[in-house]
Amino acid sequence: MTQITSGFRAIFSHPAIYNMAQRMVGAERARRMLVRDYFPPMQGKSMLDIGCGTAEILRHLPEQMEYSGFDASESYIAEARRAFGNRGSFRAELVSAATLGSMQQFDVVLAFGLLHHLDDSDAASLFRLAAQALKPDGMLITMDPVFAPGQHPLARWMISRDRGRCVRSPDGYQALARASFPLVNHHLRHDMLNIPYSHTIMQCTLV
């Protein structure tokens, strides 16, 4: 994983501070919009959340669904269990092919704010794992900061200072996705936070 975790950015490794910072910039609004605009109906469905963080996405999903969240941070997973322990399973580990071999296939795989922390090799592995994890008619949904023409200068400046060091252009994200998914719908948004910011959202399917 390619990210900066030293200096002032180290404070975001603490789940309470991370969640507070997310709320301040409007991340709850972004999650709500993501589910509303890009998720299929989730009632009774199953979802694998890769890099789930503190699993705040669950605030915007129905209780009648199966949720499995994975994150490398033990402190983030501990907070997810504290807040949503009865809503799914939470594992402090990386997703691997061996892990998926013991699990059901999923209707949705989510990678929220993850790809810009991964170099091209690790990102390609993520897409392959997501394709393995999905049911034939399932969908991978990703959302990440993006460098895009015409974006607000403040958005570009803030994104350039993100902990993740692999922020890409829209074409860069899509090229990685298309190596594993024949169908990729891409969306560029500049309105999902309370501050100037740009996101790329991809809906990736196998059929």
N, C-alpha and C. Protein backbone atom coordinates (compact mmCIF):
# COMPACT_ATOMS: atom_id res chain seq x y z
N MET A 1 0.86 -1.19 0.00
CA MET A 1 0.00 0.00 0.00
C MET A 1 0.89 1.23 0.00
N THR A 2 0.58 2.19 -0.87
CA THR A 2 1.40 3.38 -1.03
C THR A 2 0.69 4.57 -0.43
N GLN A 3 1.09 4.93 0.80
CA GLN A 3 0.48 6.07 1.45
C GLN A 3 1.45 6.66 2.46
N ILE A 4 1.20 7.91 2.83
CA ILE A 4 2.00 8.59 3.85
C ILE A 4 1.26 8.48 5.18
N THR A 5 1.94 7.95 6.18
CA THR A 5 1.33 7.81 7.50
C THR A 5 2.17 8.48 8.58
N SER A 6 3.10 9.35 8.16
CA SER A 6 3.94 10.06 9.11
C SER A 6 3.52 11.51 9.20
N GLY A 7 4.15 12.26 10.11
CA GLY A 7 3.82 13.67 10.26
C GLY A 7 2.38 13.85 10.71
N PHE A 8 1.75 14.95 10.27
CA PHE A 8 0.38 15.23 10.72
C PHE A 8 -0.60 14.18 10.24
N ARG A 9 -0.28 13.48 9.14
CA ARG A 9 -1.20 12.47 8.62
C ARG A 9 -1.33 11.28 9.55
N ALA A 10 -0.36 11.11 10.45
CA ALA A 10 -0.41 9.97 11.37
C ALA A 10 -1.63 10.02 12.28
N ILE A 11 -2.17 11.20 12.54
CA ILE A 11 -3.32 11.29 13.44
C ILE A 11 -4.54 10.60 12.85
N PHE A 12 -4.59 10.47 11.51
CA PHE A 12 -5.76 9.86 10.88
C PHE A 12 -5.77 8.34 11.04
N SER A 13 -4.70 7.78 11.61
CA SER A 13 -4.71 6.36 11.94
C SER A 13 -5.58 6.07 13.16
N HIS A 14 -5.93 7.12 13.91
CA HIS A 14 -6.82 6.96 15.06
C HIS A 14 -8.26 7.05 14.56
N PRO A 15 -9.07 6.01 14.77
CA PRO A 15 -10.40 5.99 14.16
C PRO A 15 -11.30 7.15 14.55
N ALA A 16 -11.24 7.61 15.80
CA ALA A 16 -12.11 8.71 16.22
C ALA A 16 -11.75 10.00 15.48
N ILE A 17 -10.47 10.26 15.33
CA ILE A 17 -10.03 11.47 14.62
C ILE A 17 -10.34 11.34 13.14
N TYR A 18 -10.13 10.15 12.58
CA TYR A 18 -10.45 9.92 11.17
C TYR A 18 -11.93 10.17 10.91
N ASN A 19 -12.80 9.61 11.74
CA ASN A 19 -14.24 9.79 11.54
C ASN A 19 -14.64 11.25 11.71
N MET A 20 -14.06 11.94 12.67
CA MET A 20 -14.38 13.34 12.87
C MET A 20 -13.97 14.18 11.66
N ALA A 21 -12.78 13.93 11.14
CA ALA A 21 -12.33 14.66 9.96
C ALA A 21 -13.22 14.38 8.77
N GLN A 22 -13.64 13.13 8.62
CA GLN A 22 -14.54 12.77 7.53
C GLN A 22 -15.87 13.51 7.64
N ARG A 23 -16.41 13.57 8.84
CA ARG A 23 -17.69 14.27 9.03
C ARG A 23 -17.55 15.76 8.72
N MET A 24 -16.42 16.36 9.09
CA MET A 24 -16.23 17.79 8.88
C MET A 24 -16.25 18.16 7.40
N VAL A 25 -15.71 17.31 6.55
CA VAL A 25 -15.68 17.64 5.12
C VAL A 25 -16.92 17.15 4.38
N GLY A 26 -17.79 16.40 5.07
CA GLY A 26 -19.04 15.97 4.44
C GLY A 26 -19.03 14.58 3.88
N ALA A 27 -18.20 13.70 4.44
CA ALA A 27 -18.11 12.35 3.91
C ALA A 27 -19.41 11.56 4.06
N GLU A 28 -20.20 11.87 5.11
CA GLU A 28 -21.48 11.17 5.24
C GLU A 28 -22.39 11.48 4.06
N ARG A 29 -22.38 12.72 3.64
CA ARG A 29 -23.16 13.11 2.45
C ARG A 29 -22.66 12.35 1.23
N ALA A 30 -21.35 12.23 1.09
CA ALA A 30 -20.79 11.52 -0.05
C ALA A 30 -21.20 10.05 -0.05
N ARG A 31 -21.16 9.43 1.12
CA ARG A 31 -21.58 8.02 1.19
C ARG A 31 -23.06 7.88 0.86
N ARG A 32 -23.87 8.78 1.37
CA ARG A 32 -25.30 8.73 1.08
C ARG A 32 -25.55 8.86 -0.42
N MET A 33 -24.86 9.79 -1.06
CA MET A 33 -25.03 9.99 -2.50
C MET A 33 -24.51 8.79 -3.29
N LEU A 34 -23.42 8.20 -2.83
CA LEU A 34 -22.87 7.03 -3.51
C LEU A 34 -23.88 5.89 -3.52
N VAL A 35 -24.46 5.60 -2.36
CA VAL A 35 -25.44 4.52 -2.26
C VAL A 35 -26.68 4.86 -3.08
N ARG A 36 -27.15 6.09 -2.97
CA ARG A 36 -28.37 6.49 -3.66
C ARG A 36 -28.22 6.45 -5.18
N ASP A 37 -27.09 6.91 -5.68
CA ASP A 37 -26.94 7.12 -7.12
C ASP A 37 -26.28 5.96 -7.85
N TYR A 38 -25.53 5.10 -7.15
CA TYR A 38 -24.71 4.13 -7.88
C TYR A 38 -24.86 2.68 -7.40
N PHE A 39 -25.47 2.46 -6.26
CA PHE A 39 -25.67 1.09 -5.78
C PHE A 39 -26.94 0.51 -6.38
N PRO A 40 -26.97 -0.80 -6.63
CA PRO A 40 -28.24 -1.46 -6.91
C PRO A 40 -29.04 -1.56 -5.61
N PRO A 41 -30.33 -1.91 -5.67
CA PRO A 41 -31.08 -2.13 -4.44
C PRO A 41 -30.39 -3.21 -3.59
N MET A 42 -30.16 -2.93 -2.32
CA MET A 42 -29.34 -3.81 -1.49
C MET A 42 -30.14 -4.67 -0.51
N GLN A 43 -31.44 -4.48 -0.44
CA GLN A 43 -32.26 -5.29 0.47
C GLN A 43 -32.07 -6.77 0.14
N GLY A 44 -31.65 -7.55 1.12
CA GLY A 44 -31.48 -8.98 0.92
C GLY A 44 -30.25 -9.38 0.13
N LYS A 45 -29.39 -8.44 -0.19
CA LYS A 45 -28.20 -8.72 -0.98
C LYS A 45 -26.98 -8.89 -0.08
N SER A 46 -25.86 -9.23 -0.70
CA SER A 46 -24.61 -9.43 0.03
C SER A 46 -23.54 -8.49 -0.51
N MET A 47 -22.66 -8.02 0.39
CA MET A 47 -21.62 -7.08 -0.02
C MET A 47 -20.30 -7.38 0.68
N LEU A 48 -19.23 -7.33 -0.08
CA LEU A 48 -17.87 -7.40 0.43
C LEU A 48 -17.29 -5.99 0.35
N ASP A 49 -16.85 -5.46 1.48
CA ASP A 49 -16.29 -4.11 1.56
C ASP A 49 -14.79 -4.24 1.80
N ILE A 50 -14.00 -4.00 0.75
CA ILE A 50 -12.54 -4.15 0.82
C ILE A 50 -11.94 -2.81 1.23
N GLY A 51 -11.21 -2.80 2.33
CA GLY A 51 -10.71 -1.54 2.86
C GLY A 51 -11.83 -0.75 3.49
N CYS A 52 -12.59 -1.43 4.36
CA CYS A 52 -13.84 -0.86 4.88
C CYS A 52 -13.64 0.27 5.86
N GLY A 53 -12.41 0.46 6.37
CA GLY A 53 -12.20 1.49 7.38
C GLY A 53 -13.05 1.22 8.61
N THR A 54 -13.79 2.21 9.04
CA THR A 54 -14.67 2.06 10.21
C THR A 54 -16.09 1.66 9.83
N ALA A 55 -16.28 1.27 8.56
CA ALA A 55 -17.55 0.72 8.06
C ALA A 55 -18.71 1.71 8.13
N GLU A 56 -18.42 2.99 8.01
CA GLU A 56 -19.47 4.00 8.09
C GLU A 56 -20.49 3.89 6.96
N ILE A 57 -20.15 3.21 5.88
CA ILE A 57 -21.09 3.02 4.78
C ILE A 57 -22.36 2.32 5.26
N LEU A 58 -22.26 1.54 6.35
CA LEU A 58 -23.42 0.81 6.85
C LEU A 58 -24.54 1.73 7.31
N ARG A 59 -24.24 2.97 7.64
CA ARG A 59 -25.29 3.91 8.04
C ARG A 59 -26.26 4.19 6.90
N HIS A 60 -25.87 3.86 5.68
CA HIS A 60 -26.69 4.18 4.52
C HIS A 60 -27.18 2.94 3.78
N LEU A 61 -27.03 1.79 4.40
CA LEU A 61 -27.45 0.54 3.79
C LEU A 61 -28.51 -0.14 4.65
N PRO A 62 -29.38 -0.96 4.05
CA PRO A 62 -30.44 -1.61 4.82
C PRO A 62 -29.86 -2.65 5.79
N GLU A 63 -30.56 -2.85 6.88
CA GLU A 63 -30.12 -3.86 7.85
C GLU A 63 -30.31 -5.27 7.30
N GLN A 64 -31.26 -5.46 6.41
CA GLN A 64 -31.56 -6.78 5.87
C GLN A 64 -30.64 -7.07 4.68
N MET A 65 -29.37 -7.23 4.97
CA MET A 65 -28.38 -7.60 3.96
C MET A 65 -27.20 -8.25 4.67
N GLU A 66 -26.35 -8.92 3.90
CA GLU A 66 -25.17 -9.57 4.45
C GLU A 66 -23.95 -8.71 4.12
N TYR A 67 -23.20 -8.34 5.16
CA TYR A 67 -22.05 -7.44 5.00
C TYR A 67 -20.80 -8.09 5.56
N SER A 68 -19.72 -8.06 4.76
CA SER A 68 -18.41 -8.52 5.21
C SER A 68 -17.40 -7.42 4.94
N GLY A 69 -16.78 -6.90 6.01
CA GLY A 69 -15.82 -5.82 5.87
C GLY A 69 -14.41 -6.25 6.25
N PHE A 70 -13.45 -5.87 5.42
CA PHE A 70 -12.04 -6.19 5.66
C PHE A 70 -11.24 -4.89 5.67
N ASP A 71 -10.30 -4.78 6.60
CA ASP A 71 -9.39 -3.64 6.61
C ASP A 71 -8.10 -4.06 7.29
N ALA A 72 -6.98 -3.51 6.83
CA ALA A 72 -5.69 -3.85 7.41
C ALA A 72 -5.49 -3.24 8.79
N SER A 73 -6.27 -2.21 9.12
CA SER A 73 -6.11 -1.51 10.39
C SER A 73 -6.92 -2.17 11.50
N GLU A 74 -6.24 -2.68 12.51
CA GLU A 74 -6.95 -3.30 13.63
C GLU A 74 -7.78 -2.27 14.39
N SER A 75 -7.29 -1.04 14.49
CA SER A 75 -8.05 -0.02 15.23
C SER A 75 -9.32 0.37 14.47
N TYR A 76 -9.26 0.45 13.15
CA TYR A 76 -10.47 0.75 12.38
C TYR A 76 -11.49 -0.37 12.52
N ILE A 77 -11.02 -1.61 12.45
CA ILE A 77 -11.93 -2.75 12.58
C ILE A 77 -12.53 -2.80 13.98
N ALA A 78 -11.74 -2.48 14.99
CA ALA A 78 -12.28 -2.45 16.36
C ALA A 78 -13.40 -1.43 16.47
N GLU A 79 -13.23 -0.27 15.84
CA GLU A 79 -14.28 0.75 15.86
C GLU A 79 -15.50 0.28 15.08
N ALA A 80 -15.29 -0.38 13.95
CA ALA A 80 -16.42 -0.90 13.17
C ALA A 80 -17.22 -1.91 13.98
N ARG A 81 -16.53 -2.78 14.68
CA ARG A 81 -17.23 -3.76 15.52
C ARG A 81 -17.99 -3.08 16.64
N ARG A 82 -17.39 -2.05 17.22
CA ARG A 82 -18.06 -1.33 18.30
C ARG A 82 -19.34 -0.66 17.81
N ALA A 83 -19.28 -0.05 16.64
CA ALA A 83 -20.42 0.71 16.13
C ALA A 83 -21.45 -0.15 15.42
N PHE A 84 -21.00 -1.22 14.76
CA PHE A 84 -21.92 -1.98 13.89
C PHE A 84 -21.79 -3.48 14.10
N GLY A 85 -21.42 -3.90 15.29
CA GLY A 85 -21.10 -5.30 15.52
C GLY A 85 -22.18 -6.28 15.14
N ASN A 86 -23.44 -5.86 15.18
CA ASN A 86 -24.54 -6.75 14.85
C ASN A 86 -24.97 -6.65 13.39
N ARG A 87 -24.23 -5.89 12.60
CA ARG A 87 -24.64 -5.65 11.21
C ARG A 87 -23.86 -6.48 10.20
N GLY A 88 -22.85 -7.22 10.64
CA GLY A 88 -22.05 -7.98 9.69
C GLY A 88 -20.82 -8.56 10.33
N SER A 89 -19.89 -9.01 9.51
CA SER A 89 -18.61 -9.52 10.00
C SER A 89 -17.51 -8.54 9.62
N PHE A 90 -16.52 -8.39 10.52
CA PHE A 90 -15.45 -7.42 10.34
C PHE A 90 -14.13 -8.11 10.63
N ARG A 91 -13.20 -8.06 9.68
CA ARG A 91 -11.95 -8.79 9.82
C ARG A 91 -10.76 -7.86 9.59
N ALA A 92 -9.83 -7.87 10.53
CA ALA A 92 -8.63 -7.03 10.44
C ALA A 92 -7.55 -7.78 9.67
N GLU A 93 -7.74 -7.87 8.38
CA GLU A 93 -6.79 -8.55 7.51
C GLU A 93 -7.01 -8.11 6.07
N LEU A 94 -6.04 -8.43 5.23
CA LEU A 94 -6.16 -8.15 3.81
C LEU A 94 -6.96 -9.26 3.14
N VAL A 95 -7.73 -8.90 2.15
CA VAL A 95 -8.46 -9.90 1.37
C VAL A 95 -7.48 -10.60 0.44
N SER A 96 -7.58 -11.91 0.37
CA SER A 96 -6.72 -12.69 -0.52
C SER A 96 -7.56 -13.72 -1.27
N ALA A 97 -6.96 -14.32 -2.28
CA ALA A 97 -7.66 -15.37 -3.02
C ALA A 97 -8.01 -16.53 -2.10
N ALA A 98 -7.12 -16.83 -1.16
CA ALA A 98 -7.41 -17.92 -0.21
C ALA A 98 -8.59 -17.57 0.67
N THR A 99 -8.66 -16.32 1.11
CA THR A 99 -9.80 -15.89 1.93
C THR A 99 -11.10 -16.06 1.16
N LEU A 100 -11.10 -15.61 -0.09
CA LEU A 100 -12.32 -15.66 -0.89
C LEU A 100 -12.74 -17.09 -1.18
N GLY A 101 -11.77 -18.00 -1.23
CA GLY A 101 -12.09 -19.39 -1.52
C GLY A 101 -12.99 -20.03 -0.48
N SER A 102 -13.00 -19.47 0.72
CA SER A 102 -13.83 -20.02 1.80
C SER A 102 -15.12 -19.23 2.00
N MET A 103 -15.40 -18.28 1.10
CA MET A 103 -16.57 -17.42 1.26
C MET A 103 -17.50 -17.58 0.06
N GLN A 104 -18.74 -17.18 0.27
CA GLN A 104 -19.70 -17.12 -0.82
C GLN A 104 -19.30 -16.01 -1.78
N GLN A 105 -19.88 -16.04 -2.98
CA GLN A 105 -19.72 -14.90 -3.88
C GLN A 105 -20.73 -13.82 -3.51
N PHE A 106 -20.42 -12.58 -3.88
CA PHE A 106 -21.18 -11.43 -3.42
C PHE A 106 -21.91 -10.73 -4.56
N ASP A 107 -23.00 -10.06 -4.19
CA ASP A 107 -23.73 -9.25 -5.16
C ASP A 107 -22.98 -7.95 -5.47
N VAL A 108 -22.34 -7.39 -4.46
CA VAL A 108 -21.61 -6.13 -4.62
C VAL A 108 -20.27 -6.24 -3.90
N VAL A 109 -19.23 -5.74 -4.55
CA VAL A 109 -17.94 -5.51 -3.89
C VAL A 109 -17.71 -4.01 -3.90
N LEU A 110 -17.35 -3.46 -2.75
CA LEU A 110 -17.09 -2.03 -2.63
C LEU A 110 -15.62 -1.80 -2.30
N ALA A 111 -15.00 -0.86 -3.03
CA ALA A 111 -13.66 -0.37 -2.70
C ALA A 111 -13.78 1.15 -2.61
N PHE A 112 -14.07 1.64 -1.42
CA PHE A 112 -14.34 3.06 -1.19
C PHE A 112 -13.05 3.73 -0.73
N GLY A 113 -12.51 4.62 -1.56
CA GLY A 113 -11.31 5.35 -1.17
C GLY A 113 -10.09 4.47 -1.03
N LEU A 114 -9.99 3.43 -1.83
CA LEU A 114 -8.90 2.46 -1.68
C LEU A 114 -7.88 2.52 -2.82
N LEU A 115 -8.34 2.64 -4.05
CA LEU A 115 -7.44 2.52 -5.20
C LEU A 115 -6.32 3.55 -5.18
N HIS A 116 -6.59 4.74 -4.66
CA HIS A 116 -5.54 5.76 -4.69
C HIS A 116 -4.46 5.52 -3.63
N HIS A 117 -4.63 4.47 -2.83
CA HIS A 117 -3.58 4.03 -1.91
C HIS A 117 -2.75 2.89 -2.50
N LEU A 118 -3.11 2.40 -3.68
CA LEU A 118 -2.47 1.22 -4.26
C LEU A 118 -1.71 1.57 -5.53
N ASP A 119 -0.49 1.05 -5.67
CA ASP A 119 0.22 1.22 -6.93
C ASP A 119 -0.45 0.36 -8.00
N ASP A 120 0.02 0.47 -9.23
CA ASP A 120 -0.68 -0.21 -10.33
C ASP A 120 -0.74 -1.72 -10.15
N SER A 121 0.34 -2.30 -9.65
CA SER A 121 0.36 -3.75 -9.46
C SER A 121 -0.65 -4.19 -8.41
N ASP A 122 -0.67 -3.50 -7.29
CA ASP A 122 -1.63 -3.85 -6.23
C ASP A 122 -3.06 -3.55 -6.65
N ALA A 123 -3.25 -2.47 -7.40
CA ALA A 123 -4.60 -2.15 -7.89
C ALA A 123 -5.09 -3.22 -8.85
N ALA A 124 -4.21 -3.69 -9.74
CA ALA A 124 -4.60 -4.76 -10.66
C ALA A 124 -4.98 -6.02 -9.89
N SER A 125 -4.25 -6.32 -8.82
CA SER A 125 -4.60 -7.47 -7.99
C SER A 125 -5.96 -7.29 -7.33
N LEU A 126 -6.25 -6.07 -6.90
CA LEU A 126 -7.55 -5.80 -6.30
C LEU A 126 -8.68 -6.08 -7.28
N PHE A 127 -8.53 -5.61 -8.51
CA PHE A 127 -9.59 -5.84 -9.50
C PHE A 127 -9.76 -7.33 -9.77
N ARG A 128 -8.67 -8.08 -9.83
CA ARG A 128 -8.79 -9.53 -10.04
C ARG A 128 -9.50 -10.20 -8.86
N LEU A 129 -9.17 -9.78 -7.65
CA LEU A 129 -9.84 -10.34 -6.47
C LEU A 129 -11.33 -10.00 -6.47
N ALA A 130 -11.65 -8.77 -6.84
CA ALA A 130 -13.05 -8.36 -6.89
C ALA A 130 -13.82 -9.19 -7.90
N ALA A 131 -13.22 -9.43 -9.06
CA ALA A 131 -13.88 -10.25 -10.08
C ALA A 131 -14.11 -11.67 -9.56
N GLN A 132 -13.15 -12.20 -8.82
CA GLN A 132 -13.30 -13.53 -8.24
C GLN A 132 -14.40 -13.56 -7.19
N ALA A 133 -14.54 -12.46 -6.44
CA ALA A 133 -15.49 -12.42 -5.32
C ALA A 133 -16.93 -12.24 -5.76
N LEU A 134 -17.15 -11.74 -6.97
CA LEU A 134 -18.50 -11.38 -7.41
C LEU A 134 -19.27 -12.55 -7.99
N LYS A 135 -20.57 -12.52 -7.78
CA LYS A 135 -21.47 -13.37 -8.55
C LYS A 135 -21.39 -12.95 -10.02
N PRO A 136 -21.78 -13.83 -10.94
CA PRO A 136 -21.68 -13.48 -12.36
C PRO A 136 -22.36 -12.17 -12.74
N ASP A 137 -23.46 -11.85 -12.07
CA ASP A 137 -24.18 -10.61 -12.38
C ASP A 137 -23.91 -9.52 -11.34
N GLY A 138 -22.85 -9.68 -10.56
CA GLY A 138 -22.55 -8.72 -9.50
C GLY A 138 -21.85 -7.47 -10.02
N MET A 139 -21.57 -6.55 -9.09
CA MET A 139 -20.99 -5.26 -9.46
C MET A 139 -19.92 -4.84 -8.45
N LEU A 140 -18.79 -4.39 -8.98
CA LEU A 140 -17.76 -3.72 -8.18
C LEU A 140 -17.99 -2.22 -8.27
N ILE A 141 -18.00 -1.55 -7.13
CA ILE A 141 -18.16 -0.09 -7.08
C ILE A 141 -16.92 0.48 -6.41
N THR A 142 -16.30 1.45 -7.09
CA THR A 142 -15.13 2.13 -6.52
C THR A 142 -15.38 3.63 -6.48
N MET A 143 -14.72 4.29 -5.53
CA MET A 143 -14.79 5.75 -5.43
C MET A 143 -13.46 6.24 -4.89
N ASP A 144 -12.85 7.19 -5.62
CA ASP A 144 -11.54 7.71 -5.23
C ASP A 144 -11.39 9.15 -5.68
N PRO A 145 -10.46 9.89 -5.03
CA PRO A 145 -10.11 11.20 -5.55
C PRO A 145 -9.45 11.07 -6.92
N VAL A 146 -9.53 12.14 -7.71
CA VAL A 146 -9.06 12.07 -9.09
C VAL A 146 -8.47 13.41 -9.51
N PHE A 147 -7.48 13.36 -10.38
CA PHE A 147 -6.98 14.55 -11.04
C PHE A 147 -7.70 14.65 -12.39
N ALA A 148 -8.45 15.72 -12.59
CA ALA A 148 -9.28 15.84 -13.79
C ALA A 148 -9.18 17.25 -14.36
N PRO A 149 -9.27 17.38 -15.68
CA PRO A 149 -9.25 18.71 -16.29
C PRO A 149 -10.41 19.57 -15.77
N GLY A 150 -10.12 20.83 -15.51
CA GLY A 150 -11.16 21.77 -15.12
C GLY A 150 -11.59 21.70 -13.68
N GLN A 151 -10.95 20.86 -12.86
CA GLN A 151 -11.37 20.78 -11.47
C GLN A 151 -10.92 22.03 -10.72
N HIS A 152 -11.59 22.28 -9.60
CA HIS A 152 -11.28 23.46 -8.79
C HIS A 152 -9.81 23.40 -8.33
N PRO A 153 -9.08 24.52 -8.41
CA PRO A 153 -7.67 24.50 -7.98
C PRO A 153 -7.49 24.03 -6.54
N LEU A 154 -8.43 24.39 -5.65
CA LEU A 154 -8.31 23.93 -4.27
C LEU A 154 -8.49 22.42 -4.18
N ALA A 155 -9.39 21.88 -4.99
CA ALA A 155 -9.57 20.42 -5.01
C ALA A 155 -8.28 19.74 -5.44
N ARG A 156 -7.66 20.23 -6.49
CA ARG A 156 -6.41 19.63 -6.97
C ARG A 156 -5.32 19.73 -5.90
N TRP A 157 -5.25 20.87 -5.23
CA TRP A 157 -4.23 21.05 -4.20
C TRP A 157 -4.46 20.08 -3.04
N MET A 158 -5.70 19.96 -2.58
CA MET A 158 -5.98 19.07 -1.46
C MET A 158 -5.73 17.61 -1.83
N ILE A 159 -6.14 17.23 -3.03
CA ILE A 159 -5.95 15.85 -3.46
C ILE A 159 -4.46 15.53 -3.58
N SER A 160 -3.67 16.50 -3.99
CA SER A 160 -2.22 16.27 -4.11
C SER A 160 -1.57 16.00 -2.76
N ARG A 161 -2.25 16.35 -1.68
CA ARG A 161 -1.72 16.15 -0.33
C ARG A 161 -2.42 15.01 0.42
N ASP A 162 -3.17 14.21 -0.30
CA ASP A 162 -3.84 13.06 0.30
C ASP A 162 -2.80 12.06 0.82
N ARG A 163 -3.19 11.28 1.83
CA ARG A 163 -2.32 10.21 2.31
C ARG A 163 -1.99 9.21 1.21
N GLY A 164 -2.95 8.94 0.34
CA GLY A 164 -2.72 8.03 -0.77
C GLY A 164 -1.87 8.70 -1.84
N ARG A 165 -0.84 8.01 -2.29
CA ARG A 165 0.10 8.61 -3.23
C ARG A 165 -0.11 8.14 -4.67
N CYS A 166 -1.23 7.50 -4.95
CA CYS A 166 -1.46 6.96 -6.29
C CYS A 166 -2.77 7.48 -6.88
N VAL A 167 -3.06 8.75 -6.66
CA VAL A 167 -4.23 9.37 -7.29
C VAL A 167 -3.97 9.42 -8.80
N ARG A 168 -4.98 9.08 -9.58
CA ARG A 168 -4.83 8.96 -11.02
C ARG A 168 -5.81 9.87 -11.75
N SER A 169 -5.68 9.88 -13.07
CA SER A 169 -6.67 10.51 -13.93
C SER A 169 -7.84 9.55 -14.12
N PRO A 170 -8.97 10.03 -14.64
CA PRO A 170 -10.07 9.10 -14.92
C PRO A 170 -9.64 7.96 -15.84
N ASP A 171 -8.87 8.27 -16.88
CA ASP A 171 -8.41 7.22 -17.79
C ASP A 171 -7.50 6.22 -17.09
N GLY A 172 -6.69 6.70 -16.15
CA GLY A 172 -5.80 5.80 -15.43
C GLY A 172 -6.56 4.79 -14.59
N TYR A 173 -7.59 5.24 -13.89
CA TYR A 173 -8.41 4.31 -13.11
C TYR A 173 -9.13 3.32 -14.03
N GLN A 174 -9.70 3.83 -15.12
CA GLN A 174 -10.47 2.96 -16.01
C GLN A 174 -9.61 1.91 -16.68
N ALA A 175 -8.39 2.26 -17.04
CA ALA A 175 -7.51 1.29 -17.68
C ALA A 175 -7.23 0.11 -16.75
N LEU A 176 -7.02 0.38 -15.50
CA LEU A 176 -6.80 -0.69 -14.53
C LEU A 176 -8.04 -1.57 -14.39
N ALA A 177 -9.21 -0.94 -14.34
CA ALA A 177 -10.45 -1.70 -14.18
C ALA A 177 -10.72 -2.61 -15.37
N ARG A 178 -10.46 -2.10 -16.58
CA ARG A 178 -10.83 -2.85 -17.79
C ARG A 178 -9.94 -4.06 -18.03
N ALA A 179 -8.84 -4.17 -17.32
CA ALA A 179 -8.03 -5.38 -17.43
C ALA A 179 -8.74 -6.59 -16.83
N SER A 180 -9.70 -6.35 -15.93
CA SER A 180 -10.43 -7.45 -15.28
C SER A 180 -11.92 -7.42 -15.54
N PHE A 181 -12.46 -6.25 -15.90
CA PHE A 181 -13.90 -6.10 -16.08
C PHE A 181 -14.20 -5.58 -17.48
N PRO A 182 -14.97 -6.32 -18.27
CA PRO A 182 -15.28 -5.87 -19.63
C PRO A 182 -16.18 -4.65 -19.68
N LEU A 183 -16.97 -4.42 -18.65
CA LEU A 183 -17.91 -3.30 -18.65
C LEU A 183 -17.59 -2.37 -17.47
N VAL A 184 -17.24 -1.13 -17.79
CA VAL A 184 -16.89 -0.14 -16.76
C VAL A 184 -17.64 1.15 -17.06
N ASN A 185 -18.53 1.53 -16.15
CA ASN A 185 -19.21 2.82 -16.24
C ASN A 185 -18.50 3.79 -15.31
N HIS A 186 -18.05 4.91 -15.87
CA HIS A 186 -17.27 5.88 -15.10
C HIS A 186 -18.07 7.15 -14.88
N HIS A 187 -17.96 7.72 -13.69
CA HIS A 187 -18.66 8.96 -13.35
C HIS A 187 -17.68 9.90 -12.66
N LEU A 188 -17.65 11.14 -13.09
CA LEU A 188 -16.80 12.17 -12.49
C LEU A 188 -17.69 13.14 -11.73
N ARG A 189 -17.42 13.30 -10.44
CA ARG A 189 -18.25 14.17 -9.59
C ARG A 189 -17.38 15.21 -8.88
N HIS A 190 -17.91 16.42 -8.81
CA HIS A 190 -17.23 17.50 -8.10
C HIS A 190 -18.08 18.05 -6.95
N ASP A 191 -19.13 17.33 -6.57
CA ASP A 191 -20.14 17.89 -5.66
C ASP A 191 -20.48 17.00 -4.47
N MET A 192 -19.60 16.09 -4.11
CA MET A 192 -19.98 15.11 -3.10
C MET A 192 -19.52 15.47 -1.69
N LEU A 193 -18.67 16.47 -1.55
CA LEU A 193 -18.24 16.92 -0.23
C LEU A 193 -18.66 18.36 0.00
N ASN A 194 -18.45 18.83 1.22
CA ASN A 194 -18.77 20.22 1.56
C ASN A 194 -17.69 21.19 1.12
N ILE A 195 -16.61 20.67 0.58
CA ILE A 195 -15.48 21.46 0.13
C ILE A 195 -15.21 21.13 -1.34
N PRO A 196 -14.49 21.98 -2.06
CA PRO A 196 -14.15 21.64 -3.44
C PRO A 196 -13.33 20.35 -3.48
N TYR A 197 -13.81 19.37 -4.23
CA TYR A 197 -13.14 18.08 -4.29
C TYR A 197 -13.67 17.33 -5.50
N SER A 198 -12.86 16.46 -6.06
CA SER A 198 -13.25 15.70 -7.25
C SER A 198 -13.12 14.21 -6.97
N HIS A 199 -14.14 13.46 -7.37
CA HIS A 199 -14.15 12.01 -7.19
C HIS A 199 -14.39 11.32 -8.53
N THR A 200 -13.80 10.16 -8.67
CA THR A 200 -14.15 9.26 -9.75
C THR A 200 -14.88 8.06 -9.15
N ILE A 201 -15.97 7.68 -9.77
CA ILE A 201 -16.76 6.52 -9.33
C ILE A 201 -16.85 5.57 -10.51
N MET A 202 -16.59 4.30 -10.27
CA MET A 202 -16.71 3.29 -11.32
C MET A 202 -17.67 2.19 -10.89
N GLN A 203 -18.51 1.79 -11.81
CA GLN A 203 -19.36 0.62 -11.66
C GLN A 203 -18.85 -0.42 -12.65
N CYS A 204 -18.30 -1.50 -12.14
CA CYS A 204 -17.62 -2.50 -12.97
C CYS A 204 -18.39 -3.81 -12.91
N THR A 205 -18.70 -4.36 -14.08
CA THR A 205 -19.45 -5.61 -14.13
C THR A 205 -18.80 -6.57 -15.12
N LEU A 206 -19.11 -7.85 -14.95
CA LEU A 206 -18.54 -8.89 -15.78
C LEU A 206 -19.40 -9.21 -16.99
N VAL A 207 -20.68 -8.84 -16.91
CA VAL A 207 -21.60 -9.09 -18.03
C VAL A 207 -22.47 -7.87 -18.24
